[in-house]
Structure formats: C-alpha cells, structure tokens
N, C-alpha and C. Protein backbone atom coordinates (compact mmCIF):
# COMPACT_ATOMS: atom_id res chain seq x y z
N MET A 1 91.94 -121.38 -18.59
CA MET A 1 90.74 -122.17 -18.44
C MET A 1 91.10 -123.59 -17.99
N LEU A 2 92.17 -124.12 -18.52
CA LEU A 2 92.58 -125.49 -18.17
C LEU A 2 92.97 -125.59 -16.70
N LEU A 3 93.67 -124.59 -16.20
CA LEU A 3 94.05 -124.59 -14.79
C LEU A 3 92.80 -124.61 -13.91
N ALA A 4 91.86 -123.75 -14.20
CA ALA A 4 90.63 -123.68 -13.41
C ALA A 4 89.85 -124.99 -13.50
N TYR A 5 89.81 -125.59 -14.67
CA TYR A 5 89.09 -126.86 -14.83
C TYR A 5 89.77 -127.97 -14.02
N ARG A 6 91.09 -127.97 -13.99
CA ARG A 6 91.80 -128.98 -13.21
C ARG A 6 91.53 -128.83 -11.72
N ILE A 7 91.35 -127.60 -11.27
CA ILE A 7 91.11 -127.36 -9.85
C ILE A 7 89.69 -127.76 -9.46
N VAL A 8 88.70 -127.31 -10.24
CA VAL A 8 87.31 -127.51 -9.84
C VAL A 8 86.67 -128.75 -10.44
N GLY A 9 87.13 -129.18 -11.60
CA GLY A 9 86.57 -130.37 -12.24
C GLY A 9 85.24 -130.15 -12.93
N SER A 10 84.82 -128.92 -13.06
CA SER A 10 83.55 -128.60 -13.71
C SER A 10 83.77 -127.46 -14.70
N HIS A 11 83.27 -127.63 -15.90
CA HIS A 11 83.44 -126.60 -16.92
C HIS A 11 82.77 -125.29 -16.51
N ASN A 12 81.57 -125.38 -15.96
CA ASN A 12 80.84 -124.16 -15.59
C ASN A 12 81.55 -123.40 -14.47
N ASP A 13 82.01 -124.10 -13.44
CA ASP A 13 82.72 -123.44 -12.34
C ASP A 13 84.04 -122.85 -12.82
N ALA A 14 84.72 -123.55 -13.71
CA ALA A 14 85.98 -123.07 -14.25
C ALA A 14 85.76 -121.80 -15.07
N GLU A 15 84.73 -121.80 -15.89
CA GLU A 15 84.44 -120.63 -16.71
C GLU A 15 84.09 -119.43 -15.82
N HIS A 16 83.34 -119.68 -14.76
CA HIS A 16 82.97 -118.60 -13.84
C HIS A 16 84.22 -118.00 -13.19
N ALA A 17 85.14 -118.83 -12.75
CA ALA A 17 86.36 -118.36 -12.10
C ALA A 17 87.23 -117.56 -13.08
N VAL A 18 87.34 -118.03 -14.31
CA VAL A 18 88.15 -117.33 -15.31
C VAL A 18 87.53 -115.98 -15.65
N GLN A 19 86.21 -115.92 -15.77
CA GLN A 19 85.55 -114.65 -16.06
C GLN A 19 85.73 -113.66 -14.91
N ALA A 20 85.61 -114.15 -13.67
CA ALA A 20 85.80 -113.27 -12.51
C ALA A 20 87.24 -112.76 -12.45
N ALA A 21 88.20 -113.62 -12.78
CA ALA A 21 89.61 -113.21 -12.79
C ALA A 21 89.85 -112.17 -13.89
N TRP A 22 89.22 -112.35 -15.03
CA TRP A 22 89.39 -111.41 -16.13
C TRP A 22 88.83 -110.03 -15.75
N LEU A 23 87.69 -110.02 -15.06
CA LEU A 23 87.12 -108.75 -14.62
C LEU A 23 88.05 -108.05 -13.63
N ARG A 24 88.68 -108.81 -12.75
CA ARG A 24 89.64 -108.22 -11.82
C ARG A 24 90.86 -107.69 -12.57
N ALA A 25 91.28 -108.41 -13.60
CA ALA A 25 92.44 -107.98 -14.38
C ALA A 25 92.14 -106.68 -15.12
N ARG A 26 90.93 -106.54 -15.60
CA ARG A 26 90.53 -105.33 -16.32
C ARG A 26 90.51 -104.11 -15.41
N SER A 27 90.19 -104.34 -14.12
CA SER A 27 90.10 -103.21 -13.19
C SER A 27 91.43 -102.96 -12.46
N ALA A 28 92.42 -103.82 -12.65
CA ALA A 28 93.72 -103.64 -12.00
C ALA A 28 94.55 -102.58 -12.73
N ASP A 29 95.47 -102.00 -12.01
CA ASP A 29 96.36 -101.00 -12.59
C ASP A 29 97.45 -101.71 -13.38
N PRO A 30 97.49 -101.53 -14.70
CA PRO A 30 98.49 -102.25 -15.52
C PRO A 30 99.93 -101.90 -15.15
N ALA A 31 100.17 -100.72 -14.62
CA ALA A 31 101.54 -100.32 -14.27
C ALA A 31 102.07 -101.12 -13.08
N GLN A 32 101.17 -101.63 -12.24
CA GLN A 32 101.60 -102.38 -11.07
C GLN A 32 101.72 -103.87 -11.33
N LEU A 33 101.27 -104.33 -12.48
CA LEU A 33 101.36 -105.75 -12.82
C LEU A 33 102.72 -106.02 -13.47
N VAL A 34 103.63 -106.58 -12.69
CA VAL A 34 104.97 -106.89 -13.22
C VAL A 34 104.89 -108.10 -14.14
N ASN A 35 104.13 -109.11 -13.72
CA ASN A 35 103.98 -110.34 -14.49
C ASN A 35 102.49 -110.61 -14.67
N PRO A 36 101.87 -110.06 -15.72
CA PRO A 36 100.42 -110.20 -15.89
C PRO A 36 99.96 -111.65 -16.00
N GLU A 37 100.72 -112.49 -16.67
CA GLU A 37 100.33 -113.89 -16.82
C GLU A 37 100.34 -114.61 -15.47
N GLY A 38 101.37 -114.38 -14.69
CA GLY A 38 101.45 -114.98 -13.35
C GLY A 38 100.36 -114.45 -12.43
N TRP A 39 100.08 -113.15 -12.54
CA TRP A 39 99.03 -112.55 -11.71
C TRP A 39 97.68 -113.15 -12.04
N LEU A 40 97.39 -113.29 -13.32
CA LEU A 40 96.11 -113.85 -13.74
C LEU A 40 95.99 -115.32 -13.31
N THR A 41 97.07 -116.07 -13.40
CA THR A 41 97.06 -117.46 -12.96
C THR A 41 96.78 -117.56 -11.46
N THR A 42 97.44 -116.72 -10.68
CA THR A 42 97.25 -116.73 -9.23
C THR A 42 95.82 -116.35 -8.85
N VAL A 43 95.31 -115.30 -9.46
CA VAL A 43 93.95 -114.86 -9.16
C VAL A 43 92.93 -115.93 -9.55
N THR A 44 93.11 -116.54 -10.70
CA THR A 44 92.19 -117.60 -11.14
C THR A 44 92.21 -118.76 -10.17
N ALA A 45 93.39 -119.19 -9.75
CA ALA A 45 93.49 -120.32 -8.81
C ALA A 45 92.83 -119.98 -7.48
N ARG A 46 92.97 -118.75 -7.03
CA ARG A 46 92.36 -118.34 -5.75
C ARG A 46 90.84 -118.21 -5.84
N LEU A 47 90.34 -117.91 -7.01
CA LEU A 47 88.89 -117.76 -7.18
C LEU A 47 88.17 -119.10 -7.37
N CYS A 48 88.91 -120.14 -7.68
CA CYS A 48 88.29 -121.45 -7.92
C CYS A 48 87.79 -122.04 -6.60
N PRO A 49 86.52 -122.43 -6.56
CA PRO A 49 86.05 -123.10 -5.35
C PRO A 49 86.67 -124.48 -5.27
N ARG A 50 87.16 -124.83 -4.11
CA ARG A 50 87.79 -126.14 -3.92
C ARG A 50 86.72 -127.15 -3.54
N PRO A 51 86.62 -128.24 -4.28
CA PRO A 51 85.66 -129.28 -3.89
C PRO A 51 86.09 -129.93 -2.58
N ALA A 52 85.10 -130.28 -1.75
CA ALA A 52 85.40 -130.91 -0.47
C ALA A 52 86.08 -132.25 -0.66
N SER A 53 85.63 -133.00 -1.64
CA SER A 53 86.22 -134.31 -1.90
C SER A 53 86.15 -134.55 -3.40
N ARG A 54 87.25 -135.00 -3.95
CA ARG A 54 87.24 -135.31 -5.38
C ARG A 54 88.05 -136.57 -5.61
N PRO A 55 87.76 -137.26 -6.68
CA PRO A 55 88.52 -138.48 -6.97
C PRO A 55 89.96 -138.14 -7.34
N PRO A 56 90.89 -139.06 -7.17
CA PRO A 56 92.29 -138.77 -7.51
C PRO A 56 92.44 -138.51 -9.00
N SER A 57 93.40 -137.68 -9.30
CA SER A 57 93.68 -137.33 -10.68
C SER A 57 94.17 -138.57 -11.44
N PRO A 58 93.73 -138.76 -12.68
CA PRO A 58 94.19 -139.93 -13.43
C PRO A 58 95.70 -139.90 -13.65
N ALA A 59 96.29 -138.72 -13.68
CA ALA A 59 97.73 -138.62 -13.89
C ALA A 59 98.51 -139.12 -12.68
N ARG A 60 97.96 -138.93 -11.48
CA ARG A 60 98.65 -139.35 -10.28
C ARG A 60 98.27 -140.75 -9.84
N GLY A 61 97.11 -141.22 -10.22
CA GLY A 61 96.67 -142.55 -9.84
C GLY A 61 96.15 -142.57 -8.41
N PRO A 62 95.89 -143.75 -7.89
CA PRO A 62 95.35 -143.84 -6.53
C PRO A 62 96.39 -143.43 -5.50
N ALA A 63 95.91 -142.98 -4.37
CA ALA A 63 96.81 -142.57 -3.30
C ALA A 63 97.57 -143.77 -2.77
N ARG A 64 98.84 -143.60 -2.52
CA ARG A 64 99.66 -144.71 -2.04
C ARG A 64 99.60 -144.75 -0.52
N GLY A 65 99.69 -145.95 0.00
CA GLY A 65 99.75 -146.12 1.43
C GLY A 65 98.39 -146.13 2.11
N ARG A 66 97.35 -145.87 1.38
CA ARG A 66 96.03 -145.90 1.97
C ARG A 66 95.44 -147.28 1.86
N ARG A 67 94.79 -147.71 2.93
CA ARG A 67 94.14 -149.00 2.92
C ARG A 67 92.66 -148.80 3.15
N HIS A 68 91.91 -149.74 2.72
CA HIS A 68 90.48 -149.71 2.95
C HIS A 68 90.25 -149.68 4.46
N PRO A 69 89.32 -148.83 4.98
CA PRO A 69 89.14 -148.72 6.43
C PRO A 69 88.86 -150.04 7.13
N ARG A 70 88.06 -150.89 6.53
CA ARG A 70 87.76 -152.18 7.17
C ARG A 70 88.99 -153.07 7.21
N ARG A 71 89.76 -153.05 6.15
CA ARG A 71 90.96 -153.89 6.10
C ARG A 71 92.00 -153.38 7.08
N ALA A 72 92.11 -152.07 7.22
CA ALA A 72 93.09 -151.50 8.14
C ALA A 72 92.74 -151.85 9.58
N ALA A 73 91.46 -151.94 9.91
CA ALA A 73 91.04 -152.24 11.27
C ALA A 73 91.29 -153.71 11.62
N ARG A 74 91.39 -154.58 10.64
CA ARG A 74 91.57 -156.01 10.90
C ARG A 74 93.01 -156.38 11.22
N GLY A 75 93.94 -155.60 10.80
CA GLY A 75 95.34 -155.94 11.05
C GLY A 75 95.90 -156.80 9.93
N ARG A 76 97.02 -157.46 10.20
CA ARG A 76 97.73 -158.20 9.15
C ARG A 76 97.02 -159.46 8.69
N ARG A 77 96.51 -160.25 9.60
CA ARG A 77 95.97 -161.56 9.23
C ARG A 77 94.46 -161.57 9.07
N GLY A 78 93.85 -160.41 8.98
CA GLY A 78 92.42 -160.36 8.80
C GLY A 78 91.63 -160.53 10.08
N VAL A 79 92.31 -160.45 11.21
CA VAL A 79 91.67 -160.59 12.52
C VAL A 79 91.65 -159.24 13.19
N ARG A 80 90.53 -158.90 13.76
CA ARG A 80 90.45 -157.61 14.46
C ARG A 80 91.34 -157.62 15.69
N PRO A 81 92.08 -156.53 15.93
CA PRO A 81 92.94 -156.48 17.11
C PRO A 81 92.11 -156.47 18.39
N SER A 82 92.63 -157.06 19.47
CA SER A 82 91.89 -157.10 20.73
C SER A 82 92.19 -155.91 21.58
C-alpha cells in the first residue's frame, strides 16, 4: 500500500491499485510465481496511474539546476538577451 501511495499520492487511488493487483495475484498460477512478493510489487506499480504533474518528494527536495522561467530568460544580470 505504501508503494502505491508514494506513486499516486492519493489514498483512494493507491487502495484501488492494490486491490486490482491482489485480484490478479489470486487468479495467477502459483506454480509460475517464483518471487510472489516481487511479482505483486511490480504489478501494483504498473497498475498505479501516474499523475501528469506532482510536487517534488519531501525526501528529495526541490529539483536542482532548475531556474524560474522568467529568471532564466533574463540571463545573468537580470537583462533580457537581445
């Protein structure tokens, strides 16, 4: 559940993905699952809808090297390039 929540950022979407993965696990052939935990993790991650845009993770902090678009257009001294 935590993995799905980290991917989608919503409890409801995460719960939906985990339930869908569990249903797939129940219908899978247990003899062919070499690593059930890894299989379930992979299926859950693939079922999670990816948000188009999300804020940066608090663990990683803001993206490095990115500048505000207006500031980047002005150049070094705050003057727009000609």
